[in-house]
């Protein structure tokens, strides 16, 4: 199973600036982001303290659900 960070890198190339791309770009540029993390709690705690934009946590929740389904 790859990390959530690696899963999110698919959104970096989006042509339109949507919340998925914003979150992926921020994760890429944030050198402190837990890039090897796979666990929801670890990533969620980090985002709670460092959310890059107001809806980042809800975007994360939605994308993490898709990550779990795809990575099983």
PDB file of N, CA and C in Angstrom:
ATOM      1  N   UNK A   1       0.847  -1.188   0.000  1.00  0.00           N
ATOM      2  CA  UNK A   1       0.000   0.000   0.000  1.00  0.00           C
ATOM      3  C   UNK A   1       0.886   1.243   0.000  1.00  0.00           C
ATOM      4  N   UNK A   2       0.650   2.111  -0.954  1.00  0.00           N
ATOM      5  CA  UNK A   2       1.434   3.351  -1.005  1.00  0.00           C
ATOM      6  C   UNK A   2       0.891   4.367  -0.002  1.00  0.00           C
ATOM      7  N   UNK A   3       1.664   5.371   0.290  1.00  0.00           N
ATOM      8  CA  UNK A   3       1.256   6.383   1.258  1.00  0.00           C
ATOM      9  C   UNK A   3       0.165   7.280   0.670  1.00  0.00           C
ATOM     10  N   UNK A   4      -0.535   7.973   1.555  1.00  0.00           N
ATOM     11  CA  UNK A   4      -1.571   8.906   1.114  1.00  0.00           C
ATOM     12  C   UNK A   4      -0.953  10.022   0.274  1.00  0.00           C
ATOM     13  N   UNK A   5       0.228  10.456   0.653  1.00  0.00           N
ATOM     14  CA  UNK A   5       0.934  11.498  -0.106  1.00  0.00           C
ATOM     15  C   UNK A   5       1.116  11.057  -1.559  1.00  0.00           C
ATOM     16  N   UNK A   6       1.579   9.849  -1.763  1.00  0.00           N
ATOM     17  CA  UNK A   6       1.790   9.367  -3.132  1.00  0.00           C
ATOM     18  C   UNK A   6       0.468   9.254  -3.890  1.00  0.00           C
ATOM     19  N   UNK A   7      -0.575   8.860  -3.199  1.00  0.00           N
ATOM     20  CA  UNK A   7      -1.908   8.819  -3.809  1.00  0.00           C
ATOM     21  C   UNK A   7      -2.317  10.227  -4.273  1.00  0.00           C
ATOM     22  N   UNK A   8      -2.040  11.222  -3.460  1.00  0.00           N
ATOM     23  CA  UNK A   8      -2.468  12.592  -3.752  1.00  0.00           C
ATOM     24  C   UNK A   8      -1.713  13.243  -4.900  1.00  0.00           C
ATOM     25  N   UNK A   9      -0.539  12.761  -5.205  1.00  0.00           N
ATOM     26  CA  UNK A   9       0.262  13.392  -6.256  1.00  0.00           C
ATOM     27  C   UNK A   9      -0.407  13.299  -7.628  1.00  0.00           C
ATOM     28  N   UNK A  10      -1.388  12.437  -7.789  1.00  0.00           N
ATOM     29  CA  UNK A  10      -2.139  12.369  -9.051  1.00  0.00           C
ATOM     30  C   UNK A  10      -2.918  13.655  -9.323  1.00  0.00           C
ATOM     31  N   UNK A  11      -3.213  14.419  -8.293  1.00  0.00           N
ATOM     32  CA  UNK A  11      -4.008  15.642  -8.450  1.00  0.00           C
ATOM     33  C   UNK A  11      -3.158  16.873  -8.784  1.00  0.00           C
ATOM     34  N   UNK A  12      -1.842  16.763  -8.700  1.00  0.00           N
ATOM     35  CA  UNK A  12      -0.982  17.921  -8.970  1.00  0.00           C
ATOM     36  C   UNK A  12      -1.077  18.396 -10.412  1.00  0.00           C
ATOM     37  N   UNK A  13      -1.333  17.542 -11.351  1.00  0.00           N
ATOM     38  CA  UNK A  13      -1.341  17.914 -12.755  1.00  0.00           C
ATOM     39  C   UNK A  13      -2.666  18.440 -13.267  1.00  0.00           C
ATOM     40  N   UNK A  14      -3.656  18.551 -12.400  1.00  0.00           N
ATOM     41  CA  UNK A  14      -4.960  19.061 -12.848  1.00  0.00           C
ATOM     42  C   UNK A  14      -4.819  20.420 -13.500  1.00  0.00           C
ATOM     43  N   UNK A  15      -5.530  20.610 -14.587  1.00  0.00           N
ATOM     44  CA  UNK A  15      -5.459  21.906 -15.288  1.00  0.00           C
ATOM     45  C   UNK A  15      -6.240  22.993 -14.560  1.00  0.00           C
ATOM     46  N   UNK A  16      -7.351  22.604 -13.952  1.00  0.00           N
ATOM     47  CA  UNK A  16      -8.127  23.610 -13.221  1.00  0.00           C
ATOM     48  C   UNK A  16      -7.738  23.583 -11.744  1.00  0.00           C
ATOM     49  N   UNK A  17      -7.782  24.734 -11.133  1.00  0.00           N
ATOM     50  CA  UNK A  17      -7.416  24.843  -9.724  1.00  0.00           C
ATOM     51  C   UNK A  17      -8.626  24.497  -8.874  1.00  0.00           C
ATOM     52  N   UNK A  18      -8.736  23.230  -8.473  1.00  0.00           N
ATOM     53  CA  UNK A  18      -9.801  22.818  -7.581  1.00  0.00           C
ATOM     54  C   UNK A  18      -9.188  22.495  -6.213  1.00  0.00           C
ATOM     55  N   UNK A  19     -10.032  22.158  -5.249  1.00  0.00           N
ATOM     56  CA  UNK A  19      -9.534  21.909  -3.897  1.00  0.00           C
ATOM     57  C   UNK A  19      -8.598  20.705  -3.834  1.00  0.00           C
ATOM     58  N   UNK A  20      -8.840  19.714  -4.666  1.00  0.00           N
ATOM     59  CA  UNK A  20      -7.960  18.550  -4.688  1.00  0.00           C
ATOM     60  C   UNK A  20      -6.541  18.959  -5.106  1.00  0.00           C
ATOM     61  N   UNK A  21      -6.463  19.763  -6.139  1.00  0.00           N
ATOM     62  CA  UNK A  21      -5.149  20.233  -6.605  1.00  0.00           C
ATOM     63  C   UNK A  21      -4.504  21.138  -5.562  1.00  0.00           C
ATOM     64  N   UNK A  22      -5.274  22.009  -4.963  1.00  0.00           N
ATOM     65  CA  UNK A  22      -4.733  22.903  -3.936  1.00  0.00           C
ATOM     66  C   UNK A  22      -4.123  22.104  -2.788  1.00  0.00           C
ATOM     67  N   UNK A  23      -4.831  21.068  -2.355  1.00  0.00           N
ATOM     68  CA  UNK A  23      -4.316  20.255  -1.259  1.00  0.00           C
ATOM     69  C   UNK A  23      -3.064  19.492  -1.688  1.00  0.00           C
ATOM     70  N   UNK A  24      -3.078  18.908  -2.868  1.00  0.00           N
ATOM     71  CA  UNK A  24      -1.919  18.161  -3.365  1.00  0.00           C
ATOM     72  C   UNK A  24      -0.700  19.071  -3.526  1.00  0.00           C
ATOM     73  N   UNK A  25      -0.901  20.256  -4.055  1.00  0.00           N
ATOM     74  CA  UNK A  25       0.210  21.201  -4.224  1.00  0.00           C
ATOM     75  C   UNK A  25       0.782  21.607  -2.876  1.00  0.00           C
ATOM     76  N   UNK A  26      -0.086  21.857  -1.921  1.00  0.00           N
ATOM     77  CA  UNK A  26       0.362  22.238  -0.586  1.00  0.00           C
ATOM     78  C   UNK A  26       1.156  21.098   0.056  1.00  0.00           C
ATOM     79  N   UNK A  27       0.640  19.862  -0.060  1.00  0.00           N
ATOM     80  CA  UNK A  27       1.345  18.704   0.499  1.00  0.00           C
ATOM     81  C   UNK A  27       2.736  18.571  -0.123  1.00  0.00           C
ATOM     82  N   UNK A  28       2.822  18.793  -1.422  1.00  0.00           N
ATOM     83  CA  UNK A  28       4.095  18.688  -2.127  1.00  0.00           C
ATOM     84  C   UNK A  28       5.104  19.729  -1.632  1.00  0.00           C
ATOM     85  N   UNK A  29       4.633  20.933  -1.383  1.00  0.00           N
ATOM     86  CA  UNK A  29       5.521  22.037  -0.991  1.00  0.00           C
ATOM     87  C   UNK A  29       5.840  22.063   0.506  1.00  0.00           C
ATOM     88  N   UNK A  30       5.003  21.410   1.315  1.00  0.00           N
ATOM     89  CA  UNK A  30       5.202  21.398   2.770  1.00  0.00           C
ATOM     90  C   UNK A  30       6.188  20.291   3.135  1.00  0.00           C
ATOM     91  N   UNK A  31       7.396  20.679   3.460  1.00  0.00           N
ATOM     92  CA  UNK A  31       8.447  19.699   3.746  1.00  0.00           C
ATOM     93  C   UNK A  31       8.226  18.969   5.064  1.00  0.00           C
ATOM     94  N   UNK A  32       7.325  19.454   5.893  1.00  0.00           N
ATOM     95  CA  UNK A  32       7.042  18.791   7.171  1.00  0.00           C
ATOM     96  C   UNK A  32       5.874  17.816   7.075  1.00  0.00           C
ATOM     97  N   UNK A  33       5.174  17.808   5.956  1.00  0.00           N
ATOM     98  CA  UNK A  33       4.029  16.904   5.818  1.00  0.00           C
ATOM     99  C   UNK A  33       4.516  15.460   5.966  1.00  0.00           C
ATOM    100  N   UNK A  34       3.765  14.618   6.707  1.00  0.00           N
ATOM    101  CA  UNK A  34       4.178  13.218   6.889  1.00  0.00           C
ATOM    102  C   UNK A  34       3.996  12.404   5.602  1.00  0.00           C
ATOM    103  N   UNK A  35       4.952  12.473   4.730  1.00  0.00           N
ATOM    104  CA  UNK A  35       4.842  11.906   3.386  1.00  0.00           C
ATOM    105  C   UNK A  35       4.762  10.382   3.346  1.00  0.00           C
ATOM    106  N   UNK A  36       5.210   9.704   4.383  1.00  0.00           N
ATOM    107  CA  UNK A  36       5.152   8.241   4.409  1.00  0.00           C
ATOM    108  C   UNK A  36       3.907   7.723   5.131  1.00  0.00           C
ATOM    109  N   UNK A  37       3.095   8.617   5.666  1.00  0.00           N
ATOM    110  CA  UNK A  37       1.933   8.220   6.466  1.00  0.00           C
ATOM    111  C   UNK A  37       0.848   7.559   5.620  1.00  0.00           C
ATOM    112  N   UNK A  38       0.237   6.541   6.229  1.00  0.00           N
ATOM    113  CA  UNK A  38      -0.898   5.851   5.618  1.00  0.00           C
ATOM    114  C   UNK A  38      -2.133   5.934   6.515  1.00  0.00           C
ATOM    115  N   UNK A  39      -1.917   6.222   7.781  1.00  0.00           N
ATOM    116  CA  UNK A  39      -2.998   6.222   8.770  1.00  0.00           C
ATOM    117  C   UNK A  39      -3.768   7.543   8.776  1.00  0.00           C
ATOM    118  N   UNK A  40      -5.074   7.421   8.800  1.00  0.00           N
ATOM    119  CA  UNK A  40      -5.965   8.582   8.809  1.00  0.00           C
ATOM    120  C   UNK A  40      -5.640   9.516   9.973  1.00  0.00           C
ATOM    121  N   UNK A  41      -5.500   8.965  11.178  1.00  0.00           N
ATOM    122  CA  UNK A  41      -5.308   9.797  12.368  1.00  0.00           C
ATOM    123  C   UNK A  41      -4.050  10.659  12.289  1.00  0.00           C
ATOM    124  N   UNK A  42      -2.972  10.085  11.828  1.00  0.00           N
ATOM    125  CA  UNK A  42      -1.712  10.833  11.747  1.00  0.00           C
ATOM    126  C   UNK A  42      -1.836  12.012  10.774  1.00  0.00           C
ATOM    127  N   UNK A  43      -2.420  11.767   9.621  1.00  0.00           N
ATOM    128  CA  UNK A  43      -2.561  12.821   8.611  1.00  0.00           C
ATOM    129  C   UNK A  43      -3.585  13.863   9.059  1.00  0.00           C
ATOM    130  N   UNK A  44      -4.681  13.394   9.618  1.00  0.00           N
ATOM    131  CA  UNK A  44      -5.733  14.293  10.084  1.00  0.00           C
ATOM    132  C   UNK A  44      -5.220  15.243  11.172  1.00  0.00           C
ATOM    133  N   UNK A  45      -4.469  14.705  12.127  1.00  0.00           N
ATOM    134  CA  UNK A  45      -3.904  15.555  13.189  1.00  0.00           C
ATOM    135  C   UNK A  45      -2.986  16.617  12.610  1.00  0.00           C
ATOM    136  N   UNK A  46      -2.169  16.226  11.637  1.00  0.00           N
ATOM    137  CA  UNK A  46      -1.269  17.197  11.012  1.00  0.00           C
ATOM    138  C   UNK A  46      -2.071  18.298  10.322  1.00  0.00           C
ATOM    139  N   UNK A  47      -3.100  17.909   9.596  1.00  0.00           N
ATOM    140  CA  UNK A  47      -3.906  18.902   8.887  1.00  0.00           C
ATOM    141  C   UNK A  47      -4.692  19.798   9.839  1.00  0.00           C
ATOM    142  N   UNK A  48      -5.120  19.264  10.966  1.00  0.00           N
ATOM    143  CA  UNK A  48      -5.843  20.092  11.935  1.00  0.00           C
ATOM    144  C   UNK A  48      -4.992  21.253  12.416  1.00  0.00           C
ATOM    145  N   UNK A  49      -3.706  21.044  12.547  1.00  0.00           N
ATOM    146  CA  UNK A  49      -2.788  22.093  13.011  1.00  0.00           C
ATOM    147  C   UNK A  49      -2.226  22.948  11.886  1.00  0.00           C
ATOM    148  N   UNK A  50      -2.251  22.415  10.655  1.00  0.00           N
ATOM    149  CA  UNK A  50      -1.571  23.101   9.555  1.00  0.00           C
ATOM    150  C   UNK A  50      -2.429  23.277   8.307  1.00  0.00           C
ATOM    151  N   UNK A  51      -3.729  23.276   8.450  1.00  0.00           N
ATOM    152  CA  UNK A  51      -4.622  23.337   7.290  1.00  0.00           C
ATOM    153  C   UNK A  51      -4.303  24.537   6.402  1.00  0.00           C
ATOM    154  N   UNK A  52      -4.079  24.280   5.109  1.00  0.00           N
ATOM    155  CA  UNK A  52      -3.690  25.349   4.195  1.00  0.00           C
ATOM    156  C   UNK A  52      -4.843  26.236   3.724  1.00  0.00           C
ATOM    157  N   UNK A  53      -6.084  25.755   3.835  1.00  0.00           N
ATOM    158  CA  UNK A  53      -7.248  26.545   3.456  1.00  0.00           C
ATOM    159  C   UNK A  53      -8.460  26.012   4.226  1.00  0.00           C
ATOM    160  N   UNK A  54      -9.519  26.798   4.373  1.00  0.00           N
ATOM    161  CA  UNK A  54     -10.630  26.439   5.259  1.00  0.00           C
ATOM    162  C   UNK A  54     -11.272  25.070   5.007  1.00  0.00           C
ATOM    163  N   UNK A  55     -11.418  24.653   3.782  1.00  0.00           N
ATOM    164  CA  UNK A  55     -12.107  23.386   3.509  1.00  0.00           C
ATOM    165  C   UNK A  55     -11.141  22.198   3.364  1.00  0.00           C
ATOM    166  N   UNK A  56      -9.887  22.384   3.725  1.00  0.00           N
ATOM    167  CA  UNK A  56      -8.877  21.330   3.528  1.00  0.00           C
ATOM    168  C   UNK A  56      -9.229  20.039   4.263  1.00  0.00           C
ATOM    169  N   UNK A  57      -9.771  20.135   5.467  1.00  0.00           N
ATOM    170  CA  UNK A  57     -10.091  18.920   6.217  1.00  0.00           C
ATOM    171  C   UNK A  57     -11.234  18.140   5.576  1.00  0.00           C
ATOM    172  N   UNK A  58     -12.228  18.825   5.083  1.00  0.00           N
ATOM    173  CA  UNK A  58     -13.324  18.107   4.422  1.00  0.00           C
ATOM    174  C   UNK A  58     -12.864  17.498   3.097  1.00  0.00           C
ATOM    175  N   UNK A  59     -11.983  18.176   2.388  1.00  0.00           N
ATOM    176  CA  UNK A  59     -11.410  17.636   1.150  1.00  0.00           C
ATOM    177  C   UNK A  59     -10.583  16.399   1.491  1.00  0.00           C
ATOM    178  N   UNK A  60      -9.781  16.491   2.538  1.00  0.00           N
ATOM    179  CA  UNK A  60      -8.989  15.349   2.976  1.00  0.00           C
ATOM    180  C   UNK A  60      -9.884  14.157   3.322  1.00  0.00           C
ATOM    181  N   UNK A  61     -10.941  14.381   4.095  1.00  0.00           N
ATOM    182  CA  UNK A  61     -11.840  13.287   4.475  1.00  0.00           C
ATOM    183  C   UNK A  61     -12.388  12.563   3.251  1.00  0.00           C
ATOM    184  N   UNK A  62     -12.830  13.327   2.298  1.00  0.00           N
ATOM    185  CA  UNK A  62     -13.404  12.745   1.074  1.00  0.00           C
ATOM    186  C   UNK A  62     -12.353  11.963   0.286  1.00  0.00           C
ATOM    187  N   UNK A  63     -11.186  12.542   0.133  1.00  0.00           N
ATOM    188  CA  UNK A  63     -10.131  11.882  -0.625  1.00  0.00           C
ATOM    189  C   UNK A  63      -9.546  10.682   0.110  1.00  0.00           C
ATOM    190  N   UNK A  64      -9.524  10.736   1.426  1.00  0.00           N
ATOM    191  CA  UNK A  64      -9.002   9.591   2.176  1.00  0.00           C
ATOM    192  C   UNK A  64      -9.924   8.382   2.018  1.00  0.00           C
ATOM    193  N   UNK A  65     -11.217   8.620   1.980  1.00  0.00           N
ATOM    194  CA  UNK A  65     -12.164   7.519   1.736  1.00  0.00           C
ATOM    195  C   UNK A  65     -11.884   6.864   0.387  1.00  0.00           C
ATOM    196  N   UNK A  66     -11.664   7.663  -0.634  1.00  0.00           N
ATOM    197  CA  UNK A  66     -11.356   7.133  -1.965  1.00  0.00           C
ATOM    198  C   UNK A  66     -10.014   6.394  -1.941  1.00  0.00           C
ATOM    199  N   UNK A  67      -9.055   6.924  -1.210  1.00  0.00           N
ATOM    200  CA  UNK A  67      -7.740   6.290  -1.066  1.00  0.00           C
ATOM    201  C   UNK A  67      -7.882   4.900  -0.450  1.00  0.00           C
ATOM    202  N   UNK A  68      -8.675   4.796   0.607  1.00  0.00           N
ATOM    203  CA  UNK A  68      -8.871   3.498   1.261  1.00  0.00           C
ATOM    204  C   UNK A  68      -9.485   2.474   0.313  1.00  0.00           C
ATOM    205  N   UNK A  69     -10.474   2.885  -0.438  1.00  0.00           N
ATOM    206  CA  UNK A  69     -11.136   1.970  -1.379  1.00  0.00           C
ATOM    207  C   UNK A  69     -10.157   1.530  -2.457  1.00  0.00           C
ATOM    208  N   UNK A  70      -9.424   2.457  -3.005  1.00  0.00           N
ATOM    209  CA  UNK A  70      -8.521   2.155  -4.108  1.00  0.00           C
ATOM    210  C   UNK A  70      -7.293   1.352  -3.673  1.00  0.00           C
ATOM    211  N   UNK A  71      -6.820   1.570  -2.486  1.00  0.00           N
ATOM    212  CA  UNK A  71      -5.586   0.934  -2.035  1.00  0.00           C
ATOM    213  C   UNK A  71      -5.805  -0.430  -1.378  1.00  0.00           C
ATOM    214  N   UNK A  72      -7.016  -0.865  -1.239  1.00  0.00           N
ATOM    215  CA  UNK A  72      -7.267  -2.188  -0.633  1.00  0.00           C
ATOM    216  C   UNK A  72      -6.939  -3.295  -1.569  1.00  0.00           C
TER     217      UNK A  72
END
